[in-house]
Amino acid sequence: MKTLLLMLIVGFTTELFAQAKIHVPEMLHDFDTLMQGDQCEHEFMVVNIGDQPLIFTNVKTSCGCDVPSWDKEPVLPGDTTYVKYKYDSKRVGPMNKTMTMSSNDPITPIVVVRVKGVILPKKD
């Protein structure tokens, strides 16, 4: 009976520590200076350093002038995926935007990355 109880406790405790763990090496991407209309896209690398599949529950940007895209499939332990950020560079001036990634990581369920740069007017 004691052995069975011990096995249940160990099994339950192990399950408590099994989790997805998001790791984003680059938290800020600087586009520097771009010309109006230039391509303004970047892919943020995301690694699952946990031992359970990582699932994005939502990815959103801070403005309607930028768009995120990501693979909706779970990221297996040890695997890498990319979350793409795209900005409409028709707008001139400085940009300082954020993209929020929400996932099933119980320790860090929300990760916010930033992009910045300056869009200069196209010369005629």
PDB file of N, CA and C in Angstrom:
ATOM      1  N   MET A   1       0.827  -1.192   0.000  1.00  0.00           N
ATOM      2  CA  MET A   1       0.000   0.000   0.000  1.00  0.00           C
ATOM      3  C   MET A   1       0.872   1.257   0.000  1.00  0.00           C
ATOM      4  N   LYS A   2       1.927   1.268   0.812  1.00  0.00           N
ATOM      5  CA  LYS A   2       2.823   2.426   0.862  1.00  0.00           C
ATOM      6  C   LYS A   2       3.499   2.628  -0.485  1.00  0.00           C
ATOM      7  N   THR A   3       3.863   1.529  -1.141  1.00  0.00           N
ATOM      8  CA  THR A   3       4.521   1.612  -2.440  1.00  0.00           C
ATOM      9  C   THR A   3       3.582   2.221  -3.475  1.00  0.00           C
ATOM     10  N   LEU A   4       2.341   1.807  -3.480  1.00  0.00           N
ATOM     11  CA  LEU A   4       1.354   2.345  -4.412  1.00  0.00           C
ATOM     12  C   LEU A   4       1.142   3.833  -4.171  1.00  0.00           C
ATOM     13  N   LEU A   5       1.036   4.221  -2.922  1.00  0.00           N
ATOM     14  CA  LEU A   5       0.850   5.627  -2.581  1.00  0.00           C
ATOM     15  C   LEU A   5       2.061   6.448  -3.024  1.00  0.00           C
ATOM     16  N   LEU A   6       3.251   5.928  -2.787  1.00  0.00           N
ATOM     17  CA  LEU A   6       4.474   6.620  -3.196  1.00  0.00           C
ATOM     18  C   LEU A   6       4.536   6.765  -4.709  1.00  0.00           C
ATOM     19  N   MET A   7       4.159   5.731  -5.439  1.00  0.00           N
ATOM     20  CA  MET A   7       4.170   5.787  -6.896  1.00  0.00           C
ATOM     21  C   MET A   7       3.174   6.830  -7.409  1.00  0.00           C
ATOM     22  N   LEU A   8       2.015   6.921  -6.791  1.00  0.00           N
ATOM     23  CA  LEU A   8       1.025   7.918  -7.184  1.00  0.00           C
ATOM     24  C   LEU A   8       1.530   9.333  -6.921  1.00  0.00           C
ATOM     25  N   ILE A   9       2.155   9.551  -5.786  1.00  0.00           N
ATOM     26  CA  ILE A   9       2.685  10.875  -5.446  1.00  0.00           C
ATOM     27  C   ILE A   9       3.785  11.271  -6.413  1.00  0.00           C
ATOM     28  N   VAL A  10       4.702  10.360  -6.709  1.00  0.00           N
ATOM     29  CA  VAL A  10       5.806  10.646  -7.635  1.00  0.00           C
ATOM     30  C   VAL A  10       5.251  10.928  -9.032  1.00  0.00           C
ATOM     31  N   GLY A  11       4.301  10.135  -9.472  1.00  0.00           N
ATOM     32  CA  GLY A  11       3.695  10.341 -10.793  1.00  0.00           C
ATOM     33  C   GLY A  11       2.975  11.670 -10.887  1.00  0.00           C
ATOM     34  N   PHE A  12       2.232  12.024  -9.858  1.00  0.00           N
ATOM     35  CA  PHE A  12       1.506  13.288  -9.836  1.00  0.00           C
ATOM     36  C   PHE A  12       2.471  14.467  -9.806  1.00  0.00           C
ATOM     37  N   THR A  13       3.521  14.372  -9.005  1.00  0.00           N
ATOM     38  CA  THR A  13       4.516  15.435  -8.901  1.00  0.00           C
ATOM     39  C   THR A  13       5.237  15.620 -10.226  1.00  0.00           C
ATOM     40  N   THR A  14       5.576  14.541 -10.894  1.00  0.00           N
ATOM     41  CA  THR A  14       6.243  14.625 -12.192  1.00  0.00           C
ATOM     42  C   THR A  14       5.355  15.346 -13.195  1.00  0.00           C
ATOM     43  N   GLU A  15       4.052  15.069 -13.185  1.00  0.00           N
ATOM     44  CA  GLU A  15       3.126  15.732 -14.093  1.00  0.00           C
ATOM     45  C   GLU A  15       3.042  17.230 -13.806  1.00  0.00           C
ATOM     46  N   LEU A  16       3.170  17.613 -12.560  1.00  0.00           N
ATOM     47  CA  LEU A  16       3.134  19.033 -12.214  1.00  0.00           C
ATOM     48  C   LEU A  16       4.296  19.793 -12.835  1.00  0.00           C
ATOM     49  N   PHE A  17       5.438  19.145 -12.977  1.00  0.00           N
ATOM     50  CA  PHE A  17       6.623  19.807 -13.499  1.00  0.00           C
ATOM     51  C   PHE A  17       6.755  19.681 -15.008  1.00  0.00           C
ATOM     52  N   ALA A  18       5.965  18.838 -15.647  1.00  0.00           N
ATOM     53  CA  ALA A  18       5.982  18.710 -17.102  1.00  0.00           C
ATOM     54  C   ALA A  18       5.241  19.910 -17.686  1.00  0.00           C
ATOM     55  N   GLN A  19       5.911  20.660 -18.552  1.00  0.00           N
ATOM     56  CA  GLN A  19       5.290  21.852 -19.092  1.00  0.00           C
ATOM     57  C   GLN A  19       5.969  22.315 -20.374  1.00  0.00           C
ATOM     58  N   ALA A  20       5.248  23.089 -21.132  1.00  0.00           N
ATOM     59  CA  ALA A  20       5.819  23.782 -22.278  1.00  0.00           C
ATOM     60  C   ALA A  20       6.574  24.993 -21.744  1.00  0.00           C
ATOM     61  N   LYS A  21       7.624  25.382 -22.438  1.00  0.00           N
ATOM     62  CA  LYS A  21       8.416  26.541 -22.001  1.00  0.00           C
ATOM     63  C   LYS A  21       8.862  27.307 -23.234  1.00  0.00           C
ATOM     64  N   ILE A  22       8.356  28.527 -23.391  1.00  0.00           N
ATOM     65  CA  ILE A  22       8.675  29.351 -24.555  1.00  0.00           C
ATOM     66  C   ILE A  22       9.994  30.093 -24.337  1.00  0.00           C
ATOM     67  N   HIS A  23      10.803  30.132 -25.412  1.00  0.00           N
ATOM     68  CA  HIS A  23      12.056  30.896 -25.386  1.00  0.00           C
ATOM     69  C   HIS A  23      12.144  31.683 -26.690  1.00  0.00           C
ATOM     70  N   VAL A  24      12.234  33.008 -26.567  1.00  0.00           N
ATOM     71  CA  VAL A  24      12.362  33.894 -27.727  1.00  0.00           C
ATOM     72  C   VAL A  24      13.694  34.614 -27.577  1.00  0.00           C
ATOM     73  N   PRO A  25      14.712  34.218 -28.348  1.00  0.00           N
ATOM     74  CA  PRO A  25      16.040  34.822 -28.181  1.00  0.00           C
ATOM     75  C   PRO A  25      16.099  36.319 -28.492  1.00  0.00           C
ATOM     76  N   GLU A  26      15.317  36.771 -29.463  1.00  0.00           N
ATOM     77  CA  GLU A  26      15.359  38.176 -29.877  1.00  0.00           C
ATOM     78  C   GLU A  26      14.073  38.863 -29.432  1.00  0.00           C
ATOM     79  N   MET A  27      14.189  39.771 -28.473  1.00  0.00           N
ATOM     80  CA  MET A  27      13.012  40.460 -27.946  1.00  0.00           C
ATOM     81  C   MET A  27      12.754  41.807 -28.645  1.00  0.00           C
ATOM     82  N   LEU A  28      13.755  42.315 -29.369  1.00  0.00           N
ATOM     83  CA  LEU A  28      13.631  43.582 -30.086  1.00  0.00           C
ATOM     84  C   LEU A  28      14.288  43.441 -31.446  1.00  0.00           C
ATOM     85  N   HIS A  29      13.542  43.810 -32.486  1.00  0.00           N
ATOM     86  CA  HIS A  29      14.128  43.857 -33.825  1.00  0.00           C
ATOM     87  C   HIS A  29      14.104  45.295 -34.308  1.00  0.00           C
ATOM     88  N   ASP A  30      15.265  45.798 -34.711  1.00  0.00           N
ATOM     89  CA  ASP A  30      15.391  47.168 -35.194  1.00  0.00           C
ATOM     90  C   ASP A  30      15.493  47.135 -36.719  1.00  0.00           C
ATOM     91  N   PHE A  31      14.471  47.644 -37.396  1.00  0.00           N
ATOM     92  CA  PHE A  31      14.501  47.735 -38.851  1.00  0.00           C
ATOM     93  C   PHE A  31      15.419  48.853 -39.317  1.00  0.00           C
ATOM     94  N   ASP A  32      15.852  49.694 -38.404  1.00  0.00           N
ATOM     95  CA  ASP A  32      16.697  50.843 -38.703  1.00  0.00           C
ATOM     96  C   ASP A  32      15.915  51.797 -39.609  1.00  0.00           C
ATOM     97  N   THR A  33      16.470  52.143 -40.749  1.00  0.00           N
ATOM     98  CA  THR A  33      15.820  53.094 -41.640  1.00  0.00           C
ATOM     99  C   THR A  33      15.384  52.396 -42.926  1.00  0.00           C
ATOM    100  N   LEU A  34      14.121  52.561 -43.261  1.00  0.00           N
ATOM    101  CA  LEU A  34      13.559  51.999 -44.486  1.00  0.00           C
ATOM    102  C   LEU A  34      12.941  53.121 -45.295  1.00  0.00           C
ATOM    103  N   MET A  35      12.790  52.882 -46.593  1.00  0.00           N
ATOM    104  CA  MET A  35      12.098  53.826 -47.453  1.00  0.00           C
ATOM    105  C   MET A  35      10.628  53.427 -47.543  1.00  0.00           C
ATOM    106  N   GLN A  36       9.790  54.398 -47.712  1.00  0.00           N
ATOM    107  CA  GLN A  36       8.354  54.167 -47.835  1.00  0.00           C
ATOM    108  C   GLN A  36       8.101  53.121 -48.923  1.00  0.00           C
ATOM    109  N   GLY A  37       7.337  52.096 -48.591  1.00  0.00           N
ATOM    110  CA  GLY A  37       7.019  51.038 -49.536  1.00  0.00           C
ATOM    111  C   GLY A  37       7.975  49.857 -49.501  1.00  0.00           C
ATOM    112  N   ASP A  38       9.114  49.971 -48.807  1.00  0.00           N
ATOM    113  CA  ASP A  38      10.060  48.849 -48.688  1.00  0.00           C
ATOM    114  C   ASP A  38       9.416  47.696 -47.928  1.00  0.00           C
ATOM    115  N   GLN A  39       9.925  46.501 -48.181  1.00  0.00           N
ATOM    116  CA  GLN A  39       9.454  45.335 -47.423  1.00  0.00           C
ATOM    117  C   GLN A  39       9.844  45.511 -45.961  1.00  0.00           C
ATOM    118  N   CYS A  40       8.899  45.292 -45.086  1.00  0.00           N
ATOM    119  CA  CYS A  40       9.129  45.480 -43.653  1.00  0.00           C
ATOM    120  C   CYS A  40       8.555  44.256 -42.927  1.00  0.00           C
ATOM    121  N   GLU A  41       9.305  43.161 -42.968  1.00  0.00           N
ATOM    122  CA  GLU A  41       8.894  41.906 -42.356  1.00  0.00           C
ATOM    123  C   GLU A  41      10.050  41.341 -41.544  1.00  0.00           C
ATOM    124  N   HIS A  42       9.685  40.614 -40.503  1.00  0.00           N
ATOM    125  CA  HIS A  42      10.699  39.947 -39.690  1.00  0.00           C
ATOM    126  C   HIS A  42      10.097  38.693 -39.080  1.00  0.00           C
ATOM    127  N   GLU A  43      10.919  37.663 -38.951  1.00  0.00           N
ATOM    128  CA  GLU A  43      10.473  36.433 -38.300  1.00  0.00           C
ATOM    129  C   GLU A  43      11.177  36.298 -36.956  1.00  0.00           C
ATOM    130  N   PHE A  44      10.383  36.212 -35.901  1.00  0.00           N
ATOM    131  CA  PHE A  44      10.922  35.991 -34.562  1.00  0.00           C
ATOM    132  C   PHE A  44      11.004  34.484 -34.318  1.00  0.00           C
ATOM    133  N   MET A  45      12.190  34.020 -33.974  1.00  0.00           N
ATOM    134  CA  MET A  45      12.380  32.609 -33.679  1.00  0.00           C
ATOM    135  C   MET A  45      11.828  32.300 -32.289  1.00  0.00           C
ATOM    136  N   VAL A  46      11.101  31.186 -32.187  1.00  0.00           N
ATOM    137  CA  VAL A  46      10.541  30.729 -30.919  1.00  0.00           C
ATOM    138  C   VAL A  46      10.939  29.274 -30.737  1.00  0.00           C
ATOM    139  N   VAL A  47      11.515  28.962 -29.565  1.00  0.00           N
ATOM    140  CA  VAL A  47      11.957  27.599 -29.267  1.00  0.00           C
ATOM    141  C   VAL A  47      11.171  27.088 -28.061  1.00  0.00           C
ATOM    142  N   ASN A  48      10.710  25.855 -28.154  1.00  0.00           N
ATOM    143  CA  ASN A  48      10.063  25.217 -27.005  1.00  0.00           C
ATOM    144  C   ASN A  48      11.153  24.484 -26.226  1.00  0.00           C
ATOM    145  N   ILE A  49      11.564  25.046 -25.089  1.00  0.00           N
ATOM    146  CA  ILE A  49      12.603  24.422 -24.269  1.00  0.00           C
ATOM    147  C   ILE A  49      12.003  23.597 -23.133  1.00  0.00           C
ATOM    148  N   GLY A  50      10.699  23.390 -23.187  1.00  0.00           N
ATOM    149  CA  GLY A  50      10.017  22.571 -22.191  1.00  0.00           C
ATOM    150  C   GLY A  50       9.958  21.118 -22.618  1.00  0.00           C
ATOM    151  N   ASP A  51       9.179  20.337 -21.878  1.00  0.00           N
ATOM    152  CA  ASP A  51       9.060  18.914 -22.200  1.00  0.00           C
ATOM    153  C   ASP A  51       7.639  18.519 -22.601  1.00  0.00           C
ATOM    154  N   GLN A  52       6.813  19.517 -22.885  1.00  0.00           N
ATOM    155  CA  GLN A  52       5.458  19.295 -23.396  1.00  0.00           C
ATOM    156  C   GLN A  52       5.260  20.198 -24.615  1.00  0.00           C
ATOM    157  N   PRO A  53       4.324  19.879 -25.517  1.00  0.00           N
ATOM    158  CA  PRO A  53       4.094  20.734 -26.690  1.00  0.00           C
ATOM    159  C   PRO A  53       3.700  22.161 -26.296  1.00  0.00           C
ATOM    160  N   LEU A  54       4.248  23.116 -27.029  1.00  0.00           N
ATOM    161  CA  LEU A  54       3.936  24.536 -26.849  1.00  0.00           C
ATOM    162  C   LEU A  54       2.838  24.897 -27.835  1.00  0.00           C
ATOM    163  N   ILE A  55       1.781  25.529 -27.339  1.00  0.00           N
ATOM    164  CA  ILE A  55       0.651  25.892 -28.177  1.00  0.00           C
ATOM    165  C   ILE A  55       0.399  27.385 -28.041  1.00  0.00           C
ATOM    166  N   PHE A  56       0.405  28.084 -29.179  1.00  0.00           N
ATOM    167  CA  PHE A  56       0.050  29.501 -29.163  1.00  0.00           C
ATOM    168  C   PHE A  56      -1.467  29.610 -29.057  1.00  0.00           C
ATOM    169  N   THR A  57      -1.945  30.343 -28.061  1.00  0.00           N
ATOM    170  CA  THR A  57      -3.375  30.564 -27.917  1.00  0.00           C
ATOM    171  C   THR A  57      -3.806  31.824 -28.651  1.00  0.00           C
ATOM    172  N   ASN A  58      -2.852  32.751 -28.851  1.00  0.00           N
ATOM    173  CA  ASN A  58      -3.138  33.974 -29.593  1.00  0.00           C
ATOM    174  C   ASN A  58      -1.835  34.701 -29.891  1.00  0.00           C
ATOM    175  N   VAL A  59      -1.802  35.402 -30.995  1.00  0.00           N
ATOM    176  CA  VAL A  59      -0.706  36.319 -31.318  1.00  0.00           C
ATOM    177  C   VAL A  59      -1.368  37.556 -31.890  1.00  0.00           C
ATOM    178  N   LYS A  60      -1.038  38.707 -31.311  1.00  0.00           N
ATOM    179  CA  LYS A  60      -1.651  39.949 -31.790  1.00  0.00           C
ATOM    180  C   LYS A  60      -0.626  41.067 -31.788  1.00  0.00           C
ATOM    181  N   THR A  61      -0.897  42.072 -32.608  1.00  0.00           N
ATOM    182  CA  THR A  61      -0.004  43.222 -32.705  1.00  0.00           C
ATOM    183  C   THR A  61      -0.677  44.440 -32.079  1.00  0.00           C
ATOM    184  N   SER A  62       0.114  45.478 -31.891  1.00  0.00           N
ATOM    185  CA  SER A  62      -0.373  46.659 -31.182  1.00  0.00           C
ATOM    186  C   SER A  62      -1.137  47.630 -32.071  1.00  0.00           C
ATOM    187  N   CYS A  63      -1.211  47.349 -33.370  1.00  0.00           N
ATOM    188  CA  CYS A  63      -1.803  48.309 -34.291  1.00  0.00           C
ATOM    189  C   CYS A  63      -2.385  47.572 -35.494  1.00  0.00           C
ATOM    190  N   GLY A  64      -3.311  48.204 -36.171  1.00  0.00           N
ATOM    191  CA  GLY A  64      -3.883  47.616 -37.373  1.00  0.00           C
ATOM    192  C   GLY A  64      -2.972  47.723 -38.584  1.00  0.00           C
ATOM    193  N   CYS A  65      -1.861  48.443 -38.444  1.00  0.00           N
ATOM    194  CA  CYS A  65      -0.922  48.616 -39.553  1.00  0.00           C
ATOM    195  C   CYS A  65       0.118  47.494 -39.601  1.00  0.00           C
ATOM    196  N   ASP A  66       0.020  46.539 -38.689  1.00  0.00           N
ATOM    197  CA  ASP A  66       0.942  45.406 -38.692  1.00  0.00           C
ATOM    198  C   ASP A  66       0.148  44.112 -38.509  1.00  0.00           C
ATOM    199  N   VAL A  67       0.734  43.036 -39.002  1.00  0.00           N
ATOM    200  CA  VAL A  67       0.016  41.762 -39.033  1.00  0.00           C
ATOM    201  C   VAL A  67       0.950  40.636 -38.591  1.00  0.00           C
ATOM    202  N   PRO A  68       0.497  39.780 -37.661  1.00  0.00           N
ATOM    203  CA  PRO A  68       1.287  38.611 -37.300  1.00  0.00           C
ATOM    204  C   PRO A  68       0.809  37.378 -38.076  1.00  0.00           C
ATOM    205  N   SER A  69       1.687  36.420 -38.234  1.00  0.00           N
ATOM    206  CA  SER A  69       1.270  35.116 -38.760  1.00  0.00           C
ATOM    207  C   SER A  69       2.161  34.061 -38.123  1.00  0.00           C
ATOM    208  N   TRP A  70       1.586  32.886 -37.865  1.00  0.00           N
ATOM    209  CA  TRP A  70       2.305  31.826 -37.191  1.00  0.00           C
ATOM    210  C   TRP A  70       1.674  30.489 -37.528  1.00  0.00           C
ATOM    211  N   ASP A  71       2.453  29.432 -37.347  1.00  0.00           N
ATOM    212  CA  ASP A  71       1.972  28.077 -37.568  1.00  0.00           C
ATOM    213  C   ASP A  71       1.077  27.697 -36.395  1.00  0.00           C
ATOM    214  N   LYS A  72      -0.108  27.219 -36.688  1.00  0.00           N
ATOM    215  CA  LYS A  72      -1.082  26.902 -35.634  1.00  0.00           C
ATOM    216  C   LYS A  72      -0.844  25.531 -35.000  1.00  0.00           C
ATOM    217  N   GLU A  73       0.093  24.769 -35.541  1.00  0.00           N
ATOM    218  CA  GLU A  73       0.385  23.447 -34.987  1.00  0.00           C
ATOM    219  C   GLU A  73       1.208  23.574 -33.701  1.00  0.00           C
ATOM    220  N   PRO A  74       1.061  22.633 -32.756  1.00  0.00           N
ATOM    221  CA  PRO A  74       1.889  22.665 -31.537  1.00  0.00           C
ATOM    222  C   PRO A  74       3.375  22.552 -31.874  1.00  0.00           C
ATOM    223  N   VAL A  75       4.194  23.232 -31.081  1.00  0.00           N
ATOM    224  CA  VAL A  75       5.644  23.161 -31.236  1.00  0.00           C
ATOM    225  C   VAL A  75       6.134  22.100 -30.249  1.00  0.00           C
ATOM    226  N   LEU A  76       6.671  21.031 -30.770  1.00  0.00           N
ATOM    227  CA  LEU A  76       7.099  19.923 -29.924  1.00  0.00           C
ATOM    228  C   LEU A  76       8.317  20.300 -29.088  1.00  0.00           C
ATOM    229  N   PRO A  77       8.536  19.613 -27.979  1.00  0.00           N
ATOM    230  CA  PRO A  77       9.700  19.910 -27.138  1.00  0.00           C
ATOM    231  C   PRO A  77      11.000  19.874 -27.947  1.00  0.00           C
ATOM    232  N   GLY A  78      11.796  20.929 -27.792  1.00  0.00           N
ATOM    233  CA  GLY A  78      13.075  21.028 -28.491  1.00  0.00           C
ATOM    234  C   GLY A  78      12.971  21.588 -29.898  1.00  0.00           C
ATOM    235  N   ASP A  79      11.752  21.763 -30.416  1.00  0.00           N
ATOM    236  CA  ASP A  79      11.577  22.261 -31.779  1.00  0.00           C
ATOM    237  C   ASP A  79      11.522  23.790 -31.809  1.00  0.00           C
ATOM    238  N   THR A  80      11.705  24.302 -33.022  1.00  0.00           N
ATOM    239  CA  THR A  80      11.707  25.737 -33.270  1.00  0.00           C
ATOM    240  C   THR A  80      10.613  26.077 -34.273  1.00  0.00           C
ATOM    241  N   THR A  81      10.009  27.229 -34.093  1.00  0.00           N
ATOM    242  CA  THR A  81       9.061  27.763 -35.063  1.00  0.00           C
ATOM    243  C   THR A  81       9.359  29.249 -35.220  1.00  0.00           C
ATOM    244  N   TYR A  82       8.670  29.880 -36.144  1.00  0.00           N
ATOM    245  CA  TYR A  82       8.871  31.310 -36.372  1.00  0.00           C
ATOM    246  C   TYR A  82       7.522  32.013 -36.383  1.00  0.00           C
ATOM    247  N   VAL A  83       7.474  33.159 -35.718  1.00  0.00           N
ATOM    248  CA  VAL A  83       6.285  34.002 -35.734  1.00  0.00           C
ATOM    249  C   VAL A  83       6.647  35.218 -36.581  1.00  0.00           C
ATOM    250  N   LYS A  84       5.886  35.402 -37.646  1.00  0.00           N
ATOM    251  CA  LYS A  84       6.191  36.451 -38.618  1.00  0.00           C
ATOM    252  C   LYS A  84       5.467  37.748 -38.267  1.00  0.00           C
ATOM    253  N   TYR A  85       6.201  38.840 -38.391  1.00  0.00           N
ATOM    254  CA  TYR A  85       5.663  40.183 -38.167  1.00  0.00           C
ATOM    255  C   TYR A  85       5.789  40.945 -39.483  1.00  0.00           C
ATOM    256  N   LYS A  86       4.712  41.607 -39.902  1.00  0.00           N
ATOM    257  CA  LYS A  86       4.732  42.390 -41.138  1.00  0.00           C
ATOM    258  C   LYS A  86       4.119  43.759 -40.872  1.00  0.00           C
ATOM    259  N   TYR A  87       4.832  44.805 -41.296  1.00  0.00           N
ATOM    260  CA  TYR A  87       4.394  46.182 -41.084  1.00  0.00           C
ATOM    261  C   TYR A  87       4.108  46.832 -42.434  1.00  0.00           C
ATOM    262  N   ASP A  88       3.070  47.658 -42.477  1.00  0.00           N
ATOM    263  CA  ASP A  88       2.731  48.393 -43.692  1.00  0.00           C
ATOM    264  C   ASP A  88       3.622  49.632 -43.773  1.00  0.00           C
ATOM    265  N   SER A  89       4.671  49.555 -44.580  1.00  0.00           N
ATOM    266  CA  SER A  89       5.658  50.641 -44.641  1.00  0.00           C
ATOM    267  C   SER A  89       5.217  51.795 -45.534  1.00  0.00           C
ATOM    268  N   LYS A  90       3.946  51.868 -45.880  1.00  0.00           N
ATOM    269  CA  LYS A  90       3.443  53.025 -46.629  1.00  0.00           C
ATOM    270  C   LYS A  90       3.318  54.234 -45.716  1.00  0.00           C
ATOM    271  N   ARG A  91       3.275  53.967 -44.413  1.00  0.00           N
ATOM    272  CA  ARG A  91       3.178  55.045 -43.424  1.00  0.00           C
ATOM    273  C   ARG A  91       4.581  55.589 -43.152  1.00  0.00           C
ATOM    274  N   VAL A  92       4.725  56.897 -43.183  1.00  0.00           N
ATOM    275  CA  VAL A  92       6.019  57.545 -43.000  1.00  0.00           C
ATOM    276  C   VAL A  92       6.191  57.969 -41.548  1.00  0.00           C
ATOM    277  N   GLY A  93       7.423  57.834 -41.038  1.00  0.00           N
ATOM    278  CA  GLY A  93       7.741  58.294 -39.692  1.00  0.00           C
ATOM    279  C   GLY A  93       8.308  57.177 -38.836  1.00  0.00           C
ATOM    280  N   PRO A  94       8.538  57.497 -37.558  1.00  0.00           N
ATOM    281  CA  PRO A  94       9.087  56.480 -36.660  1.00  0.00           C
ATOM    282  C   PRO A  94       8.049  55.411 -36.347  1.00  0.00           C
ATOM    283  N   MET A  95       8.525  54.217 -36.109  1.00  0.00           N
ATOM    284  CA  MET A  95       7.623  53.147 -35.681  1.00  0.00           C
ATOM    285  C   MET A  95       8.218  52.476 -34.456  1.00  0.00           C
ATOM    286  N   ASN A  96       7.350  52.172 -33.531  1.00  0.00           N
ATOM    287  CA  ASN A  96       7.727  51.473 -32.306  1.00  0.00           C
ATOM    288  C   ASN A  96       6.508  50.651 -31.921  1.00  0.00           C
ATOM    289  N   LYS A  97       6.506  49.383 -32.327  1.00  0.00           N
ATOM    290  CA  LYS A  97       5.324  48.537 -32.188  1.00  0.00           C
ATOM    291  C   LYS A  97       5.648  47.310 -31.356  1.00  0.00           C
ATOM    292  N   THR A  98       4.598  46.646 -30.895  1.00  0.00           N
ATOM    293  CA  THR A  98       4.767  45.412 -30.137  1.00  0.00           C
ATOM    294  C   THR A  98       3.932  44.292 -30.759  1.00  0.00           C
ATOM    295  N   MET A  99       4.366  43.075 -30.475  1.00  0.00           N
ATOM    296  CA  MET A  99       3.610  41.885 -30.847  1.00  0.00           C
ATOM    297  C   MET A  99       3.556  41.004 -29.601  1.00  0.00           C
ATOM    298  N   THR A 100       2.351  40.610 -29.227  1.00  0.00           N
ATOM    299  CA  THR A 100       2.132  39.822 -28.017  1.00  0.00           C
ATOM    300  C   THR A 100       1.820  38.377 -28.393  1.00  0.00           C
ATOM    301  N   MET A 101       2.631  37.455 -27.863  1.00  0.00           N
ATOM    302  CA  MET A 101       2.429  36.030 -28.098  1.00  0.00           C
ATOM    303  C   MET A 101       1.914  35.398 -26.808  1.00  0.00           C
ATOM    304  N   SER A 102       0.740  34.789 -26.874  1.00  0.00           N
ATOM    305  CA  SER A 102       0.165  34.095 -25.725  1.00  0.00           C
ATOM    306  C   SER A 102       0.248  32.595 -25.988  1.00  0.00           C
ATOM    307  N   SER A 103       0.637  31.838 -24.951  1.00  0.00           N
ATOM    308  CA  SER A 103       0.814  30.395 -25.133  1.00  0.00           C
ATOM    309  C   SER A 103       0.408  29.645 -23.867  1.00  0.00           C
ATOM    310  N   ASN A 104       0.587  28.345 -23.924  1.00  0.00           N
ATOM    311  CA  ASN A 104       0.274  27.492 -22.777  1.00  0.00           C
ATOM    312  C   ASN A 104       1.451  27.327 -21.816  1.00  0.00           C
ATOM    313  N   ASP A 105       2.478  28.154 -21.932  1.00  0.00           N
ATOM    314  CA  ASP A 105       3.586  28.136 -20.974  1.00  0.00           C
ATOM    315  C   ASP A 105       3.048  28.639 -19.634  1.00  0.00           C
ATOM    316  N   PRO A 106       3.032  27.804 -18.589  1.00  0.00           N
ATOM    317  CA  PRO A 106       2.428  28.229 -17.321  1.00  0.00           C
ATOM    318  C   PRO A 106       3.247  29.277 -16.562  1.00  0.00           C
ATOM    319  N   ILE A 107       4.539  29.362 -16.823  1.00  0.00           N
ATOM    320  CA  ILE A 107       5.392  30.334 -16.129  1.00  0.00           C
ATOM    321  C   ILE A 107       5.380  31.683 -16.847  1.00  0.00           C
ATOM    322  N   THR A 108       5.490  31.651 -18.179  1.00  0.00           N
ATOM    323  CA  THR A 108       5.502  32.869 -18.986  1.00  0.00           C
ATOM    324  C   THR A 108       4.433  32.742 -20.076  1.00  0.00           C
ATOM    325  N   PRO A 109       3.170  32.897 -19.720  1.00  0.00           N
ATOM    326  CA  PRO A 109       2.115  32.698 -20.714  1.00  0.00           C
ATOM    327  C   PRO A 109       2.039  33.804 -21.768  1.00  0.00           C
ATOM    328  N   ILE A 110       2.625  34.968 -21.471  1.00  0.00           N
ATOM    329  CA  ILE A 110       2.600  36.086 -22.412  1.00  0.00           C
ATOM    330  C   ILE A 110       4.020  36.597 -22.619  1.00  0.00           C
ATOM    331  N   VAL A 111       4.420  36.667 -23.891  1.00  0.00           N
ATOM    332  CA  VAL A 111       5.723  37.224 -24.266  1.00  0.00           C
ATOM    333  C   VAL A 111       5.459  38.375 -25.229  1.00  0.00           C
ATOM    334  N   VAL A 112       6.066  39.521 -24.949  1.00  0.00           N
ATOM    335  CA  VAL A 112       5.907  40.697 -25.803  1.00  0.00           C
ATOM    336  C   VAL A 112       7.245  41.012 -26.448  1.00  0.00           C
ATOM    337  N   VAL A 113       7.258  41.047 -27.788  1.00  0.00           N
ATOM    338  CA  VAL A 113       8.451  41.437 -28.534  1.00  0.00           C
ATOM    339  C   VAL A 113       8.180  42.797 -29.170  1.00  0.00           C
ATOM    340  N   ARG A 114       9.259  43.497 -29.498  1.00  0.00           N
ATOM    341  CA  ARG A 114       9.116  44.842 -30.055  1.00  0.00           C
ATOM    342  C   ARG A 114       9.822  44.946 -31.400  1.00  0.00           C
ATOM    343  N   VAL A 115       9.325  45.844 -32.223  1.00  0.00           N
ATOM    344  CA  VAL A 115       9.991  46.229 -33.464  1.00  0.00           C
ATOM    345  C   VAL A 115      10.048  47.750 -33.494  1.00  0.00           C
ATOM    346  N   LYS A 116      11.108  48.256 -34.077  1.00  0.00           N
ATOM    347  CA  LYS A 116      11.226  49.705 -34.198  1.00  0.00           C
ATOM    348  C   LYS A 116      11.957  50.037 -35.488  1.00  0.00           C
ATOM    349  N   GLY A 117      11.884  51.292 -35.863  1.00  0.00           N
ATOM    350  CA  GLY A 117      12.552  51.764 -37.056  1.00  0.00           C
ATOM    351  C   GLY A 117      11.976  53.096 -37.477  1.00  0.00           C
ATOM    352  N   VAL A 118      12.460  53.558 -38.628  1.00  0.00           N
ATOM    353  CA  VAL A 118      11.983  54.812 -39.190  1.00  0.00           C
ATOM    354  C   VAL A 118      11.708  54.584 -40.676  1.00  0.00           C
ATOM    355  N   ILE A 119      10.547  55.043 -41.122  1.00  0.00           N
ATOM    356  CA  ILE A 119      10.184  54.957 -42.530  1.00  0.00           C
ATOM    357  C   ILE A 119      10.330  56.355 -43.120  1.00  0.00           C
ATOM    358  N   LEU A 120      11.215  56.486 -44.100  1.00  0.00           N
ATOM    359  CA  LEU A 120      11.436  57.769 -44.758  1.00  0.00           C
ATOM    360  C   LEU A 120      10.574  57.872 -46.007  1.00  0.00           C
ATOM    361  N   PRO A 121      10.154  59.093 -46.381  1.00  0.00           N
ATOM    362  CA  PRO A 121       9.345  59.234 -47.586  1.00  0.00           C
ATOM    363  C   PRO A 121      10.128  58.829 -48.836  1.00  0.00           C
ATOM    364  N   LYS A 122       9.413  58.227 -49.764  1.00  0.00           N
ATOM    365  CA  LYS A 122      10.018  57.813 -51.027  1.00  0.00           C
ATOM    366  C   LYS A 122      10.395  59.062 -51.814  1.00  0.00           C
ATOM    367  N   LYS A 123      11.596  59.067 -52.378  1.00  0.00           N
ATOM    368  CA  LYS A 123      12.044  60.217 -53.169  1.00  0.00           C
ATOM    369  C   LYS A 123      11.445  60.119 -54.568  1.00  0.00           C
ATOM    370  N   ASP A 124      11.005  61.251 -55.070  1.00  0.00           N
ATOM    371  CA  ASP A 124      10.394  61.252 -56.409  1.00  0.00           C
ATOM    372  C   ASP A 124      11.425  61.178 -57.499  1.00  0.00           C
TER     373      ASP A 124
END
